[in-house]
Amino acid sequence: QVQLLESGGGLVQAGGSLTLSCAASGSFFSITRMGWYRQTPGKQRELVAAITSGGTTNYADSVKGRFTISRDNAKNTVYLQMNSLKPEDTAVYYCNADLLIGGGMGRQPIGSWGQGTEVTVSS
């Protein structure tokens, strides 16, 4: 079983910064990709940023130049540095990981989600 534990959410004023962290634990062979998604009431969950095990990143257009995703493969942890925050960044942020579990012929890919951490940006 895989667990993703998020931390770092909170309340910040517009223009401020926050850093989210997500650590993966449990039984798995490897993590191929980790990312952050966000969701507001009544809207679909959307990708904010993602990073592969090789370091390739992609970002939503709305956060490019303001957010930076990084990962520590040794710690199975992904970070999201959020700068110049805007009220429209207010959402619940979810960590996501694509992993390989099992061994040998039984190895298979799975996806896992964290429980979410709330980010509120006041104007």
N, C-alpha and C. Protein backbone atom coordinates (compact mmCIF):
# COMPACT_ATOMS: atom_id res chain seq x y z
N GLN A 1 0.84 -1.18 0.00
CA GLN A 1 0.00 0.00 0.00
C GLN A 1 0.89 1.24 0.00
N VAL A 2 0.43 2.27 -0.70
CA VAL A 2 1.20 3.50 -0.85
C VAL A 2 0.46 4.64 -0.18
N GLN A 3 1.18 5.46 0.54
CA GLN A 3 0.60 6.66 1.15
C GLN A 3 1.35 7.89 0.66
N LEU A 4 0.60 8.94 0.40
CA LEU A 4 1.18 10.24 0.06
C LEU A 4 0.78 11.21 1.15
N LEU A 5 1.76 11.77 1.83
CA LEU A 5 1.50 12.68 2.93
C LEU A 5 1.90 14.08 2.54
N GLU A 6 0.91 14.96 2.47
CA GLU A 6 1.13 16.35 2.06
C GLU A 6 1.26 17.25 3.27
N SER A 7 1.98 18.34 3.09
CA SER A 7 2.09 19.36 4.12
C SER A 7 2.41 20.69 3.48
N GLY A 8 2.19 21.77 4.23
CA GLY A 8 2.62 23.08 3.78
C GLY A 8 1.52 24.03 3.36
N GLY A 9 0.28 23.57 3.33
CA GLY A 9 -0.80 24.47 2.97
C GLY A 9 -1.05 25.49 4.06
N GLY A 10 -1.90 26.47 3.75
CA GLY A 10 -2.24 27.47 4.75
C GLY A 10 -2.81 28.72 4.13
N LEU A 11 -2.84 29.76 4.94
CA LEU A 11 -3.38 31.06 4.52
C LEU A 11 -2.24 32.02 4.28
N VAL A 12 -2.29 32.70 3.15
CA VAL A 12 -1.23 33.66 2.81
C VAL A 12 -1.86 34.83 2.07
N GLN A 13 -1.24 35.98 2.19
CA GLN A 13 -1.72 37.15 1.46
C GLN A 13 -1.28 37.10 0.01
N ALA A 14 -2.03 37.76 -0.83
CA ALA A 14 -1.66 37.85 -2.24
C ALA A 14 -0.25 38.41 -2.37
N GLY A 15 0.51 37.79 -3.26
CA GLY A 15 1.90 38.18 -3.44
C GLY A 15 2.87 37.38 -2.59
N GLY A 16 2.34 36.62 -1.66
CA GLY A 16 3.17 35.83 -0.77
C GLY A 16 3.58 34.50 -1.38
N SER A 17 4.22 33.68 -0.56
CA SER A 17 4.76 32.40 -1.01
C SER A 17 4.39 31.29 -0.04
N LEU A 18 4.30 30.11 -0.58
CA LEU A 18 4.12 28.89 0.21
C LEU A 18 4.87 27.77 -0.48
N THR A 19 5.29 26.80 0.31
CA THR A 19 5.90 25.60 -0.25
C THR A 19 5.14 24.38 0.23
N LEU A 20 4.66 23.59 -0.71
CA LEU A 20 3.99 22.34 -0.40
C LEU A 20 4.98 21.18 -0.53
N SER A 21 4.82 20.20 0.33
CA SER A 21 5.64 19.00 0.28
C SER A 21 4.74 17.77 0.25
N CYS A 22 5.22 16.73 -0.40
CA CYS A 22 4.48 15.48 -0.46
C CYS A 22 5.48 14.34 -0.42
N ALA A 23 5.37 13.50 0.59
CA ALA A 23 6.28 12.37 0.74
C ALA A 23 5.52 11.07 0.52
N ALA A 24 6.09 10.22 -0.30
CA ALA A 24 5.50 8.90 -0.58
C ALA A 24 6.13 7.86 0.32
N SER A 25 5.30 7.01 0.86
CA SER A 25 5.80 5.92 1.69
C SER A 25 4.99 4.66 1.40
N GLY A 26 5.53 3.53 1.85
CA GLY A 26 4.84 2.26 1.62
C GLY A 26 5.67 1.34 0.76
N SER A 27 4.99 0.42 0.14
CA SER A 27 5.67 -0.61 -0.63
C SER A 27 5.49 -0.35 -2.12
N PHE A 28 6.56 0.01 -2.78
CA PHE A 28 6.52 0.21 -4.22
C PHE A 28 7.91 0.02 -4.79
N PHE A 29 7.98 -0.24 -6.10
CA PHE A 29 9.27 -0.45 -6.74
C PHE A 29 9.92 0.89 -7.10
N SER A 30 9.14 1.78 -7.72
CA SER A 30 9.67 3.08 -8.10
C SER A 30 8.53 4.06 -8.33
N ILE A 31 8.88 5.34 -8.35
CA ILE A 31 7.93 6.40 -8.66
C ILE A 31 8.34 6.98 -10.01
N THR A 32 7.46 6.94 -10.97
CA THR A 32 7.81 7.43 -12.30
C THR A 32 7.50 8.90 -12.46
N ARG A 33 6.47 9.35 -11.82
CA ARG A 33 6.04 10.74 -11.98
C ARG A 33 5.33 11.19 -10.73
N MET A 34 5.56 12.44 -10.32
CA MET A 34 4.82 13.03 -9.21
C MET A 34 4.30 14.38 -9.65
N GLY A 35 3.17 14.74 -9.12
CA GLY A 35 2.59 16.01 -9.54
C GLY A 35 1.67 16.59 -8.49
N TRP A 36 1.27 17.81 -8.76
CA TRP A 36 0.31 18.53 -7.93
C TRP A 36 -0.88 18.93 -8.78
N TYR A 37 -2.04 18.68 -8.24
CA TYR A 37 -3.29 19.09 -8.86
C TYR A 37 -4.02 19.99 -7.86
N ARG A 38 -5.00 20.73 -8.35
CA ARG A 38 -5.80 21.53 -7.44
C ARG A 38 -7.25 21.51 -7.86
N GLN A 39 -8.11 21.77 -6.89
CA GLN A 39 -9.53 21.72 -7.15
C GLN A 39 -10.25 22.74 -6.28
N THR A 40 -11.20 23.43 -6.91
CA THR A 40 -12.09 24.34 -6.19
C THR A 40 -13.51 23.81 -6.31
N PRO A 41 -14.39 24.22 -5.40
CA PRO A 41 -15.76 23.69 -5.42
C PRO A 41 -16.43 23.89 -6.77
N GLY A 42 -17.02 22.83 -7.26
CA GLY A 42 -17.77 22.89 -8.50
C GLY A 42 -16.93 22.79 -9.75
N LYS A 43 -15.62 22.66 -9.59
CA LYS A 43 -14.75 22.58 -10.75
C LYS A 43 -13.99 21.26 -10.76
N GLN A 44 -13.53 20.90 -11.94
CA GLN A 44 -12.74 19.68 -12.06
C GLN A 44 -11.34 19.88 -11.49
N ARG A 45 -10.78 18.80 -11.03
CA ARG A 45 -9.40 18.84 -10.56
C ARG A 45 -8.50 19.11 -11.78
N GLU A 46 -7.55 20.02 -11.60
CA GLU A 46 -6.67 20.38 -12.72
C GLU A 46 -5.21 20.20 -12.34
N LEU A 47 -4.43 19.88 -13.36
CA LEU A 47 -3.00 19.74 -13.15
C LEU A 47 -2.37 21.11 -12.92
N VAL A 48 -1.54 21.19 -11.90
CA VAL A 48 -0.78 22.41 -11.63
C VAL A 48 0.65 22.24 -12.16
N ALA A 49 1.30 21.16 -11.76
CA ALA A 49 2.67 20.91 -12.19
C ALA A 49 2.98 19.44 -11.96
N ALA A 50 3.90 18.91 -12.77
CA ALA A 50 4.31 17.53 -12.62
C ALA A 50 5.79 17.41 -12.96
N ILE A 51 6.41 16.35 -12.44
CA ILE A 51 7.82 16.12 -12.69
C ILE A 51 8.07 14.63 -12.77
N THR A 52 8.86 14.22 -13.76
CA THR A 52 9.18 12.81 -13.92
C THR A 52 10.40 12.45 -13.08
N SER A 53 10.70 11.17 -13.01
CA SER A 53 11.87 10.73 -12.26
C SER A 53 13.15 11.28 -12.87
N GLY A 54 13.11 11.58 -14.16
CA GLY A 54 14.28 12.14 -14.82
C GLY A 54 14.39 13.64 -14.71
N GLY A 55 13.37 14.27 -14.11
CA GLY A 55 13.43 15.71 -13.91
C GLY A 55 12.68 16.55 -14.92
N THR A 56 12.01 15.91 -15.87
CA THR A 56 11.22 16.68 -16.84
C THR A 56 9.98 17.23 -16.15
N THR A 57 9.74 18.52 -16.36
CA THR A 57 8.62 19.18 -15.70
C THR A 57 7.62 19.72 -16.71
N ASN A 58 6.40 19.86 -16.27
CA ASN A 58 5.40 20.61 -17.03
C ASN A 58 4.49 21.34 -16.06
N TYR A 59 4.00 22.48 -16.53
CA TYR A 59 3.22 23.37 -15.68
C TYR A 59 1.95 23.82 -16.40
N ALA A 60 0.94 24.10 -15.60
CA ALA A 60 -0.23 24.78 -16.14
C ALA A 60 0.18 26.18 -16.55
N ASP A 61 -0.41 26.69 -17.61
CA ASP A 61 -0.06 28.03 -18.08
C ASP A 61 -0.27 29.08 -16.99
N SER A 62 -1.28 28.86 -16.16
CA SER A 62 -1.63 29.86 -15.15
C SER A 62 -0.58 30.00 -14.05
N VAL A 63 0.32 29.04 -13.93
CA VAL A 63 1.31 29.10 -12.85
C VAL A 63 2.74 29.21 -13.37
N LYS A 64 2.93 29.17 -14.67
CA LYS A 64 4.28 29.26 -15.23
C LYS A 64 4.94 30.56 -14.80
N GLY A 65 6.19 30.44 -14.37
CA GLY A 65 6.93 31.61 -13.93
C GLY A 65 6.71 31.96 -12.47
N ARG A 66 5.70 31.34 -11.85
CA ARG A 66 5.43 31.62 -10.43
C ARG A 66 5.66 30.40 -9.54
N PHE A 67 5.35 29.22 -10.06
CA PHE A 67 5.47 27.99 -9.29
C PHE A 67 6.65 27.18 -9.82
N THR A 68 7.30 26.46 -8.91
CA THR A 68 8.40 25.58 -9.29
C THR A 68 8.21 24.23 -8.61
N ILE A 69 8.22 23.18 -9.40
CA ILE A 69 8.12 21.84 -8.85
C ILE A 69 9.51 21.21 -8.84
N SER A 70 9.79 20.47 -7.79
CA SER A 70 11.06 19.77 -7.69
C SER A 70 10.84 18.48 -6.91
N ARG A 71 11.82 17.59 -6.98
CA ARG A 71 11.67 16.34 -6.24
C ARG A 71 13.01 15.87 -5.73
N ASP A 72 12.94 15.15 -4.63
CA ASP A 72 14.11 14.50 -4.05
C ASP A 72 13.85 13.01 -4.18
N ASN A 73 14.47 12.39 -5.16
CA ASN A 73 14.20 10.97 -5.42
C ASN A 73 14.62 10.09 -4.25
N ALA A 74 15.67 10.48 -3.57
CA ALA A 74 16.14 9.68 -2.44
C ALA A 74 15.13 9.67 -1.30
N LYS A 75 14.37 10.76 -1.18
CA LYS A 75 13.38 10.87 -0.12
C LYS A 75 11.97 10.60 -0.61
N ASN A 76 11.83 10.29 -1.90
CA ASN A 76 10.50 10.06 -2.48
C ASN A 76 9.55 11.22 -2.17
N THR A 77 10.08 12.41 -2.32
CA THR A 77 9.34 13.61 -1.95
C THR A 77 9.32 14.60 -3.11
N VAL A 78 8.16 15.23 -3.29
CA VAL A 78 8.01 16.26 -4.29
C VAL A 78 7.62 17.56 -3.59
N TYR A 79 8.11 18.66 -4.13
CA TYR A 79 7.86 19.97 -3.56
C TYR A 79 7.21 20.87 -4.61
N LEU A 80 6.43 21.81 -4.12
CA LEU A 80 5.87 22.83 -4.99
C LEU A 80 6.10 24.18 -4.34
N GLN A 81 7.05 24.93 -4.89
CA GLN A 81 7.32 26.27 -4.40
C GLN A 81 6.38 27.22 -5.14
N MET A 82 5.54 27.92 -4.39
CA MET A 82 4.55 28.81 -4.99
C MET A 82 4.87 30.25 -4.59
N ASN A 83 5.20 31.05 -5.58
CA ASN A 83 5.52 32.46 -5.36
C ASN A 83 4.47 33.33 -6.04
N SER A 84 4.46 34.59 -5.64
CA SER A 84 3.53 35.57 -6.24
C SER A 84 2.11 35.01 -6.27
N LEU A 85 1.67 34.51 -5.16
CA LEU A 85 0.36 33.86 -5.11
C LEU A 85 -0.76 34.86 -5.34
N LYS A 86 -1.80 34.38 -6.00
CA LYS A 86 -2.96 35.19 -6.32
C LYS A 86 -4.21 34.56 -5.68
N PRO A 87 -5.22 35.36 -5.46
CA PRO A 87 -6.46 34.80 -4.89
C PRO A 87 -7.00 33.63 -5.71
N GLU A 88 -6.81 33.68 -7.01
CA GLU A 88 -7.31 32.59 -7.85
C GLU A 88 -6.51 31.29 -7.69
N ASP A 89 -5.42 31.33 -6.94
CA ASP A 89 -4.69 30.09 -6.62
C ASP A 89 -5.32 29.36 -5.45
N THR A 90 -6.30 29.99 -4.81
CA THR A 90 -6.98 29.35 -3.69
C THR A 90 -7.65 28.07 -4.14
N ALA A 91 -7.33 26.98 -3.45
CA ALA A 91 -7.86 25.67 -3.83
C ALA A 91 -7.37 24.63 -2.82
N VAL A 92 -7.89 23.43 -2.95
CA VAL A 92 -7.31 22.29 -2.28
C VAL A 92 -6.29 21.68 -3.24
N TYR A 93 -5.09 21.53 -2.79
CA TYR A 93 -4.01 20.99 -3.61
C TYR A 93 -3.77 19.52 -3.26
N TYR A 94 -3.75 18.70 -4.29
CA TYR A 94 -3.59 17.26 -4.12
C TYR A 94 -2.28 16.80 -4.75
N CYS A 95 -1.58 15.98 -4.03
CA CYS A 95 -0.38 15.33 -4.56
C CYS A 95 -0.79 14.06 -5.29
N ASN A 96 -0.12 13.79 -6.38
CA ASN A 96 -0.38 12.58 -7.15
C ASN A 96 0.93 11.91 -7.51
N ALA A 97 0.92 10.60 -7.51
CA ALA A 97 2.12 9.87 -7.91
C ALA A 97 1.74 8.70 -8.80
N ASP A 98 2.52 8.51 -9.86
CA ASP A 98 2.44 7.31 -10.69
C ASP A 98 3.59 6.40 -10.27
N LEU A 99 3.26 5.18 -9.87
CA LEU A 99 4.26 4.29 -9.30
C LEU A 99 4.22 2.93 -9.98
N LEU A 100 5.30 2.20 -9.77
CA LEU A 100 5.35 0.79 -10.14
C LEU A 100 5.39 -0.01 -8.85
N ILE A 101 4.50 -0.99 -8.76
CA ILE A 101 4.48 -1.86 -7.57
C ILE A 101 4.69 -3.30 -8.02
N GLY A 102 5.09 -4.11 -7.05
CA GLY A 102 5.28 -5.53 -7.34
C GLY A 102 6.64 -5.81 -7.93
N GLY A 103 6.89 -7.07 -8.20
CA GLY A 103 8.17 -7.48 -8.74
C GLY A 103 8.02 -8.46 -9.88
N GLY A 104 9.06 -8.55 -10.67
CA GLY A 104 9.08 -9.51 -11.76
C GLY A 104 7.91 -9.37 -12.71
N MET A 105 7.29 -10.49 -13.04
CA MET A 105 6.17 -10.48 -13.98
C MET A 105 4.94 -9.81 -13.39
N GLY A 106 4.92 -9.66 -12.08
CA GLY A 106 3.76 -9.06 -11.42
C GLY A 106 3.82 -7.56 -11.29
N ARG A 107 4.89 -6.94 -11.79
CA ARG A 107 5.05 -5.50 -11.64
C ARG A 107 4.00 -4.77 -12.47
N GLN A 108 3.38 -3.75 -11.87
CA GLN A 108 2.34 -3.03 -12.57
C GLN A 108 2.30 -1.58 -12.13
N PRO A 109 1.79 -0.70 -12.99
CA PRO A 109 1.68 0.71 -12.63
C PRO A 109 0.40 1.00 -11.87
N ILE A 110 0.49 1.90 -10.92
CA ILE A 110 -0.69 2.37 -10.21
C ILE A 110 -0.58 3.88 -10.02
N GLY A 111 -1.70 4.50 -9.70
CA GLY A 111 -1.69 5.91 -9.34
C GLY A 111 -2.16 6.06 -7.91
N SER A 112 -1.66 7.07 -7.24
CA SER A 112 -2.04 7.29 -5.85
C SER A 112 -2.24 8.78 -5.61
N TRP A 113 -3.17 9.10 -4.72
CA TRP A 113 -3.48 10.49 -4.38
C TRP A 113 -3.30 10.74 -2.90
N GLY A 114 -2.86 11.95 -2.58
CA GLY A 114 -2.85 12.39 -1.21
C GLY A 114 -4.23 12.85 -0.79
N GLN A 115 -4.33 13.24 0.48
CA GLN A 115 -5.63 13.62 1.03
C GLN A 115 -5.98 15.08 0.73
N GLY A 116 -5.02 15.83 0.28
CA GLY A 116 -5.25 17.23 -0.06
C GLY A 116 -4.83 18.17 1.05
N THR A 117 -4.36 19.33 0.64
CA THR A 117 -3.99 20.37 1.60
C THR A 117 -4.54 21.69 1.07
N GLU A 118 -5.12 22.46 1.97
CA GLU A 118 -5.81 23.67 1.56
C GLU A 118 -4.86 24.86 1.47
N VAL A 119 -4.98 25.59 0.38
CA VAL A 119 -4.24 26.83 0.19
C VAL A 119 -5.26 27.95 0.00
N THR A 120 -5.15 28.96 0.83
CA THR A 120 -6.05 30.11 0.73
C THR A 120 -5.22 31.37 0.57
N VAL A 121 -5.49 32.12 -0.49
CA VAL A 121 -4.77 33.35 -0.76
C VAL A 121 -5.75 34.51 -0.62
N SER A 122 -5.48 35.38 0.33
CA SER A 122 -6.38 36.50 0.57
C SER A 122 -5.93 37.72 -0.22
N SER A 123 -6.89 38.51 -0.64
CA SER A 123 -6.57 39.70 -1.45
C SER A 123 -6.32 40.91 -0.59
